[in-house]
Amino acid sequence: MMGRIAVILSLPMEFTIAVILILPMQFTFIIVPRLRHVNSFLN
């Protein structure tokens, strides 16, 4: 775990920012349709 944190800290700032911006977008695209599907299923 600590080794992984060290690798993250050694990455360039631009790459880190890109990951921080991209991951929530992918998370949203994956989770939101499932939530809508569950919501329509419950209704």
Protein backbone atom coordinates (compact mmCIF):
# COMPACT_ATOMS: atom_id res chain seq x y z
CA MET A 1 0.00 0.00 0.00
CA MET A 2 2.75 2.45 0.96
CA GLY A 3 4.66 1.56 -2.21
CA ARG A 4 1.59 2.38 -4.27
CA ILE A 5 1.28 5.80 -2.58
CA ALA A 6 4.97 6.48 -3.29
CA VAL A 7 4.43 5.66 -6.98
CA ILE A 8 1.42 7.99 -7.12
CA LEU A 9 3.44 10.81 -5.51
CA SER A 10 6.30 10.33 -8.00
CA LEU A 11 3.97 10.68 -11.02
CA PRO A 12 3.88 13.99 -12.90
CA MET A 13 1.28 16.45 -11.64
CA GLU A 14 -0.45 16.66 -15.03
CA PHE A 15 -0.98 12.90 -15.13
CA THR A 16 -2.38 12.93 -11.59
CA ILE A 17 -4.80 15.76 -12.45
CA ALA A 18 -5.87 13.92 -15.62
CA VAL A 19 -6.59 10.74 -13.62
CA ILE A 20 -8.50 12.72 -10.97
CA LEU A 21 -10.63 14.30 -13.72
CA ILE A 22 -11.12 11.16 -15.86
CA LEU A 23 -11.91 8.60 -13.15
CA PRO A 24 -15.03 10.40 -11.81
CA MET A 25 -16.31 10.73 -15.40
CA GLN A 26 -15.90 6.99 -16.03
CA PHE A 27 -17.44 6.29 -12.62
CA THR A 28 -20.42 8.49 -13.54
CA PHE A 29 -20.91 6.83 -16.95
CA ILE A 30 -20.81 3.38 -15.31
CA ILE A 31 -22.89 4.08 -12.19
CA VAL A 32 -25.59 6.51 -13.43
CA PRO A 33 -27.16 4.12 -16.01
CA ARG A 34 -27.27 1.38 -13.33
CA LEU A 35 -28.94 3.76 -10.87
CA ARG A 36 -31.49 4.74 -13.52
CA HIS A 37 -32.12 1.08 -14.32
CA VAL A 38 -32.65 0.28 -10.62
CA ASN A 39 -34.83 3.38 -10.21
CA SER A 40 -37.07 2.45 -13.15
CA PHE A 41 -37.18 -1.14 -11.87
CA LEU A 42 -38.36 0.02 -8.42
CA ASN A 43 -40.98 2.30 -9.94
